[in-house]
Amino acid sequence: MREAIAEYVEREEKRQEMRKQAVAAWEELQSTGLHATEQEVSAWLESWGTDDELPPPEWHK
């Protein structure tokens, strides 16, 4: 029982931290307007491990 409770608490703490990071990222986007598009990020990720690996996309408004 203790192990299950400890696992639950750990999971919830991680979930709370992820939410906190997501909110901070959203607030930064709202204040700066800097972003990369889904297409830019997808192209970059798809190039990983290939001979033509792309650099990370540039942030823009």
PDB file of N, CA and C in Angstrom:
ATOM      1  N   MET A   1       0.826  -1.193   0.000  1.00  0.00           N
ATOM      2  CA  MET A   1       0.000   0.000   0.000  1.00  0.00           C
ATOM      3  C   MET A   1       0.870   1.256   0.000  1.00  0.00           C
ATOM      4  N   ARG A   2       1.917   1.263   0.833  1.00  0.00           N
ATOM      5  CA  ARG A   2       2.804   2.430   0.897  1.00  0.00           C
ATOM      6  C   ARG A   2       3.478   2.677  -0.444  1.00  0.00           C
ATOM      7  N   GLU A   3       3.889   1.587  -1.080  1.00  0.00           N
ATOM      8  CA  GLU A   3       4.550   1.713  -2.377  1.00  0.00           C
ATOM      9  C   GLU A   3       3.592   2.312  -3.417  1.00  0.00           C
ATOM     10  N   ALA A   4       2.364   1.874  -3.415  1.00  0.00           N
ATOM     11  CA  ALA A   4       1.375   2.400  -4.351  1.00  0.00           C
ATOM     12  C   ALA A   4       1.129   3.887  -4.105  1.00  0.00           C
ATOM     13  N   ILE A   5       1.043   4.278  -2.865  1.00  0.00           N
ATOM     14  CA  ILE A   5       0.836   5.687  -2.515  1.00  0.00           C
ATOM     15  C   ILE A   5       2.048   6.513  -2.935  1.00  0.00           C
ATOM     16  N   ALA A   6       3.247   5.992  -2.683  1.00  0.00           N
ATOM     17  CA  ALA A   6       4.473   6.705  -3.057  1.00  0.00           C
ATOM     18  C   ALA A   6       4.549   6.876  -4.574  1.00  0.00           C
ATOM     19  N   GLU A   7       4.190   5.842  -5.320  1.00  0.00           N
ATOM     20  CA  GLU A   7       4.190   5.926  -6.780  1.00  0.00           C
ATOM     21  C   GLU A   7       3.167   6.951  -7.262  1.00  0.00           C
ATOM     22  N   TYR A   8       2.001   6.948  -6.652  1.00  0.00           N
ATOM     23  CA  TYR A   8       0.962   7.912  -7.015  1.00  0.00           C
ATOM     24  C   TYR A   8       1.440   9.340  -6.762  1.00  0.00           C
ATOM     25  N   VAL A   9       2.018   9.582  -5.603  1.00  0.00           N
ATOM     26  CA  VAL A   9       2.501  10.922  -5.257  1.00  0.00           C
ATOM     27  C   VAL A   9       3.588  11.346  -6.236  1.00  0.00           C
ATOM     28  N   GLU A  10       4.509  10.458  -6.555  1.00  0.00           N
ATOM     29  CA  GLU A  10       5.573  10.773  -7.504  1.00  0.00           C
ATOM     30  C   GLU A  10       5.001  11.123  -8.877  1.00  0.00           C
ATOM     31  N   ARG A  11       4.033  10.334  -9.323  1.00  0.00           N
ATOM     32  CA  ARG A  11       3.392  10.580 -10.615  1.00  0.00           C
ATOM     33  C   ARG A  11       2.691  11.936 -10.635  1.00  0.00           C
ATOM     34  N   GLU A  12       1.989  12.235  -9.556  1.00  0.00           N
ATOM     35  CA  GLU A  12       1.269  13.508  -9.479  1.00  0.00           C
ATOM     36  C   GLU A  12       2.228  14.691  -9.418  1.00  0.00           C
ATOM     37  N   GLU A  13       3.346  14.533  -8.722  1.00  0.00           N
ATOM     38  CA  GLU A  13       4.342  15.598  -8.677  1.00  0.00           C
ATOM     39  C   GLU A  13       4.933  15.856 -10.058  1.00  0.00           C
ATOM     40  N   LYS A  14       5.211  14.788 -10.801  1.00  0.00           N
ATOM     41  CA  LYS A  14       5.723  14.936 -12.166  1.00  0.00           C
ATOM     42  C   LYS A  14       4.679  15.602 -13.061  1.00  0.00           C
ATOM     43  N   ARG A  15       3.427  15.187 -12.930  1.00  0.00           N
ATOM     44  CA  ARG A  15       2.348  15.775 -13.721  1.00  0.00           C
ATOM     45  C   ARG A  15       2.209  17.260 -13.412  1.00  0.00           C
ATOM     46  N   GLN A  16       2.295  17.628 -12.146  1.00  0.00           N
ATOM     47  CA  GLN A  16       2.185  19.020 -11.737  1.00  0.00           C
ATOM     48  C   GLN A  16       3.359  19.840 -12.294  1.00  0.00           C
ATOM     49  N   GLU A  17       4.557  19.278 -12.281  1.00  0.00           N
ATOM     50  CA  GLU A  17       5.721  19.975 -12.817  1.00  0.00           C
ATOM     51  C   GLU A  17       5.591  20.174 -14.332  1.00  0.00           C
ATOM     52  N   MET A  18       5.104  19.156 -15.035  1.00  0.00           N
ATOM     53  CA  MET A  18       4.901  19.283 -16.477  1.00  0.00           C
ATOM     54  C   MET A  18       3.875  20.370 -16.776  1.00  0.00           C
ATOM     55  N   ARG A  19       2.810  20.418 -15.999  1.00  0.00           N
ATOM     56  CA  ARG A  19       1.788  21.453 -16.196  1.00  0.00           C
ATOM     57  C   ARG A  19       2.373  22.832 -15.945  1.00  0.00           C
ATOM     58  N   LYS A  20       3.175  22.950 -14.897  1.00  0.00           N
ATOM     59  CA  LYS A  20       3.816  24.221 -14.568  1.00  0.00           C
ATOM     60  C   LYS A  20       4.714  24.680 -15.724  1.00  0.00           C
ATOM     61  N   GLN A  21       5.472  23.757 -16.300  1.00  0.00           N
ATOM     62  CA  GLN A  21       6.341  24.086 -17.428  1.00  0.00           C
ATOM     63  C   GLN A  21       5.519  24.481 -18.657  1.00  0.00           C
ATOM     64  N   ALA A  22       4.417  23.791 -18.887  1.00  0.00           N
ATOM     65  CA  ALA A  22       3.561  24.113 -20.027  1.00  0.00           C
ATOM     66  C   ALA A  22       2.953  25.505 -19.881  1.00  0.00           C
ATOM     67  N   VAL A  23       2.501  25.835 -18.693  1.00  0.00           N
ATOM     68  CA  VAL A  23       1.930  27.163 -18.449  1.00  0.00           C
ATOM     69  C   VAL A  23       2.996  28.234 -18.640  1.00  0.00           C
ATOM     70  N   ALA A  24       4.203  27.984 -18.152  1.00  0.00           N
ATOM     71  CA  ALA A  24       5.296  28.950 -18.306  1.00  0.00           C
ATOM     72  C   ALA A  24       5.628  29.136 -19.789  1.00  0.00           C
ATOM     73  N   ALA A  25       5.653  28.052 -20.555  1.00  0.00           N
ATOM     74  CA  ALA A  25       5.933  28.149 -21.991  1.00  0.00           C
ATOM     75  C   ALA A  25       4.831  28.931 -22.699  1.00  0.00           C
ATOM     76  N   TRP A  26       3.578  28.681 -22.337  1.00  0.00           N
ATOM     77  CA  TRP A  26       2.460  29.408 -22.941  1.00  0.00           C
ATOM     78  C   TRP A  26       2.552  30.900 -22.627  1.00  0.00           C
ATOM     79  N   GLU A  27       2.863  31.230 -21.375  1.00  0.00           N
ATOM     80  CA  GLU A  27       2.985  32.631 -20.981  1.00  0.00           C
ATOM     81  C   GLU A  27       4.131  33.312 -21.723  1.00  0.00           C
ATOM     82  N   GLU A  28       5.239  32.591 -21.928  1.00  0.00           N
ATOM     83  CA  GLU A  28       6.361  33.160 -22.673  1.00  0.00           C
ATOM     84  C   GLU A  28       5.963  33.407 -24.128  1.00  0.00           C
ATOM     85  N   LEU A  29       5.248  32.461 -24.730  1.00  0.00           N
ATOM     86  CA  LEU A  29       4.775  32.654 -26.100  1.00  0.00           C
ATOM     87  C   LEU A  29       3.872  33.873 -26.181  1.00  0.00           C
ATOM     88  N   GLN A  30       2.975  34.013 -25.228  1.00  0.00           N
ATOM     89  CA  GLN A  30       2.057  35.148 -25.225  1.00  0.00           C
ATOM     90  C   GLN A  30       2.802  36.475 -25.077  1.00  0.00           C
ATOM     91  N   SER A  31       3.854  36.508 -24.300  1.00  0.00           N
ATOM     92  CA  SER A  31       4.563  37.769 -24.065  1.00  0.00           C
ATOM     93  C   SER A  31       5.564  38.101 -25.158  1.00  0.00           C
ATOM     94  N   THR A  32       6.193  37.086 -25.772  1.00  0.00           N
ATOM     95  CA  THR A  32       7.224  37.353 -26.782  1.00  0.00           C
ATOM     96  C   THR A  32       6.740  37.148 -28.203  1.00  0.00           C
ATOM     97  N   GLY A  33       5.802  36.241 -28.396  1.00  0.00           N
ATOM     98  CA  GLY A  33       5.338  35.903 -29.739  1.00  0.00           C
ATOM     99  C   GLY A  33       6.293  35.000 -30.496  1.00  0.00           C
ATOM    100  N   LEU A  34       7.415  34.643 -29.900  1.00  0.00           N
ATOM    101  CA  LEU A  34       8.394  33.800 -30.580  1.00  0.00           C
ATOM    102  C   LEU A  34       7.909  32.354 -30.607  1.00  0.00           C
ATOM    103  N   HIS A  35       8.070  31.727 -31.776  1.00  0.00           N
ATOM    104  CA  HIS A  35       7.617  30.351 -31.930  1.00  0.00           C
ATOM    105  C   HIS A  35       8.295  29.707 -33.134  1.00  0.00           C
ATOM    106  N   ALA A  36       8.097  28.418 -33.287  1.00  0.00           N
ATOM    107  CA  ALA A  36       8.453  27.663 -34.481  1.00  0.00           C
ATOM    108  C   ALA A  36       7.188  26.916 -34.885  1.00  0.00           C
ATOM    109  N   THR A  37       6.970  26.767 -36.181  1.00  0.00           N
ATOM    110  CA  THR A  37       5.751  26.097 -36.628  1.00  0.00           C
ATOM    111  C   THR A  37       5.866  24.580 -36.471  1.00  0.00           C
ATOM    112  N   GLU A  38       4.740  23.923 -36.500  1.00  0.00           N
ATOM    113  CA  GLU A  38       4.714  22.458 -36.409  1.00  0.00           C
ATOM    114  C   GLU A  38       5.483  21.859 -37.579  1.00  0.00           C
ATOM    115  N   GLN A  39       5.347  22.444 -38.762  1.00  0.00           N
ATOM    116  CA  GLN A  39       6.050  21.941 -39.939  1.00  0.00           C
ATOM    117  C   GLN A  39       7.566  22.060 -39.782  1.00  0.00           C
ATOM    118  N   GLU A  40       8.017  23.191 -39.222  1.00  0.00           N
ATOM    119  CA  GLU A  40       9.452  23.390 -39.014  1.00  0.00           C
ATOM    120  C   GLU A  40      10.014  22.377 -38.017  1.00  0.00           C
ATOM    121  N   VAL A  41       9.298  22.183 -36.933  1.00  0.00           N
ATOM    122  CA  VAL A  41       9.754  21.244 -35.904  1.00  0.00           C
ATOM    123  C   VAL A  41       9.700  19.812 -36.429  1.00  0.00           C
ATOM    124  N   SER A  42       8.642  19.464 -37.146  1.00  0.00           N
ATOM    125  CA  SER A  42       8.519  18.103 -37.690  1.00  0.00           C
ATOM    126  C   SER A  42       9.635  17.798 -38.679  1.00  0.00           C
ATOM    127  N   ALA A  43       9.926  18.753 -39.569  1.00  0.00           N
ATOM    128  CA  ALA A  43      11.009  18.546 -40.540  1.00  0.00           C
ATOM    129  C   ALA A  43      12.333  18.332 -39.817  1.00  0.00           C
ATOM    130  N   TRP A  44      12.562  19.117 -38.784  1.00  0.00           N
ATOM    131  CA  TRP A  44      13.794  18.985 -37.999  1.00  0.00           C
ATOM    132  C   TRP A  44      13.867  17.612 -37.340  1.00  0.00           C
ATOM    133  N   LEU A  45      12.773  17.206 -36.677  1.00  0.00           N
ATOM    134  CA  LEU A  45      12.770  15.914 -35.987  1.00  0.00           C
ATOM    135  C   LEU A  45      12.928  14.748 -36.964  1.00  0.00           C
ATOM    136  N   GLU A  46      12.282  14.847 -38.124  1.00  0.00           N
ATOM    137  CA  GLU A  46      12.375  13.774 -39.115  1.00  0.00           C
ATOM    138  C   GLU A  46      13.785  13.643 -39.683  1.00  0.00           C
ATOM    139  N   SER A  47      14.574  14.706 -39.599  1.00  0.00           N
ATOM    140  CA  SER A  47      15.943  14.657 -40.133  1.00  0.00           C
ATOM    141  C   SER A  47      16.933  14.045 -39.151  1.00  0.00           C
ATOM    142  N   TRP A  48      16.530  13.876 -37.903  1.00  0.00           N
ATOM    143  CA  TRP A  48      17.445  13.331 -36.897  1.00  0.00           C
ATOM    144  C   TRP A  48      17.963  11.961 -37.322  1.00  0.00           C
ATOM    145  N   GLY A  49      19.250  11.766 -37.184  1.00  0.00           N
ATOM    146  CA  GLY A  49      19.857  10.473 -37.484  1.00  0.00           C
ATOM    147  C   GLY A  49      20.105  10.238 -38.956  1.00  0.00           C
ATOM    148  N   THR A  50      19.824  11.230 -39.798  1.00  0.00           N
ATOM    149  CA  THR A  50      20.077  11.084 -41.229  1.00  0.00           C
ATOM    150  C   THR A  50      21.371  11.809 -41.582  1.00  0.00           C
ATOM    151  N   ASP A  51      21.843  11.568 -42.793  1.00  0.00           N
ATOM    152  CA  ASP A  51      23.041  12.267 -43.267  1.00  0.00           C
ATOM    153  C   ASP A  51      22.775  13.751 -43.481  1.00  0.00           C
ATOM    154  N   ASP A  52      21.517  14.120 -43.664  1.00  0.00           N
ATOM    155  CA  ASP A  52      21.141  15.518 -43.911  1.00  0.00           C
ATOM    156  C   ASP A  52      20.408  16.115 -42.720  1.00  0.00           C
ATOM    157  N   GLU A  53      20.910  15.844 -41.518  1.00  0.00           N
ATOM    158  CA  GLU A  53      20.242  16.339 -40.304  1.00  0.00           C
ATOM    159  C   GLU A  53      20.207  17.870 -40.308  1.00  0.00           C
ATOM    160  N   LEU A  54      19.031  18.408 -40.048  1.00  0.00           N
ATOM    161  CA  LEU A  54      18.828  19.852 -40.049  1.00  0.00           C
ATOM    162  C   LEU A  54      19.156  20.459 -38.690  1.00  0.00           C
ATOM    163  N   PRO A  55      19.549  21.742 -38.686  1.00  0.00           N
ATOM    164  CA  PRO A  55      19.716  22.427 -37.401  1.00  0.00           C
ATOM    165  C   PRO A  55      18.335  22.710 -36.809  1.00  0.00           C
ATOM    166  N   PRO A  56      18.260  22.993 -35.519  1.00  0.00           N
ATOM    167  CA  PRO A  56      16.955  23.313 -34.921  1.00  0.00           C
ATOM    168  C   PRO A  56      16.358  24.533 -35.616  1.00  0.00           C
ATOM    169  N   PRO A  57      15.021  24.584 -35.692  1.00  0.00           N
ATOM    170  CA  PRO A  57      14.392  25.737 -36.340  1.00  0.00           C
ATOM    171  C   PRO A  57      14.636  27.017 -35.555  1.00  0.00           C
ATOM    172  N   GLU A  58      14.682  28.123 -36.278  1.00  0.00           N
ATOM    173  CA  GLU A  58      14.841  29.431 -35.666  1.00  0.00           C
ATOM    174  C   GLU A  58      13.493  29.886 -35.096  1.00  0.00           C
ATOM    175  N   TRP A  59      13.520  30.541 -33.940  1.00  0.00           N
ATOM    176  CA  TRP A  59      12.318  31.127 -33.376  1.00  0.00           C
ATOM    177  C   TRP A  59      11.987  32.398 -34.151  1.00  0.00           C
ATOM    178  N   HIS A  60      10.721  32.630 -34.407  1.00  0.00           N
ATOM    179  CA  HIS A  60      10.300  33.832 -35.123  1.00  0.00           C
ATOM    180  C   HIS A  60       8.923  34.243 -34.669  1.00  0.00           C
ATOM    181  N   LYS A  61       8.532  35.451 -35.074  1.00  0.00           N
ATOM    182  CA  LYS A  61       7.198  35.968 -34.722  1.00  0.00           C
ATOM    183  C   LYS A  61       6.233  35.692 -35.831  1.00  0.00           C
TER     184      LYS A  61
END
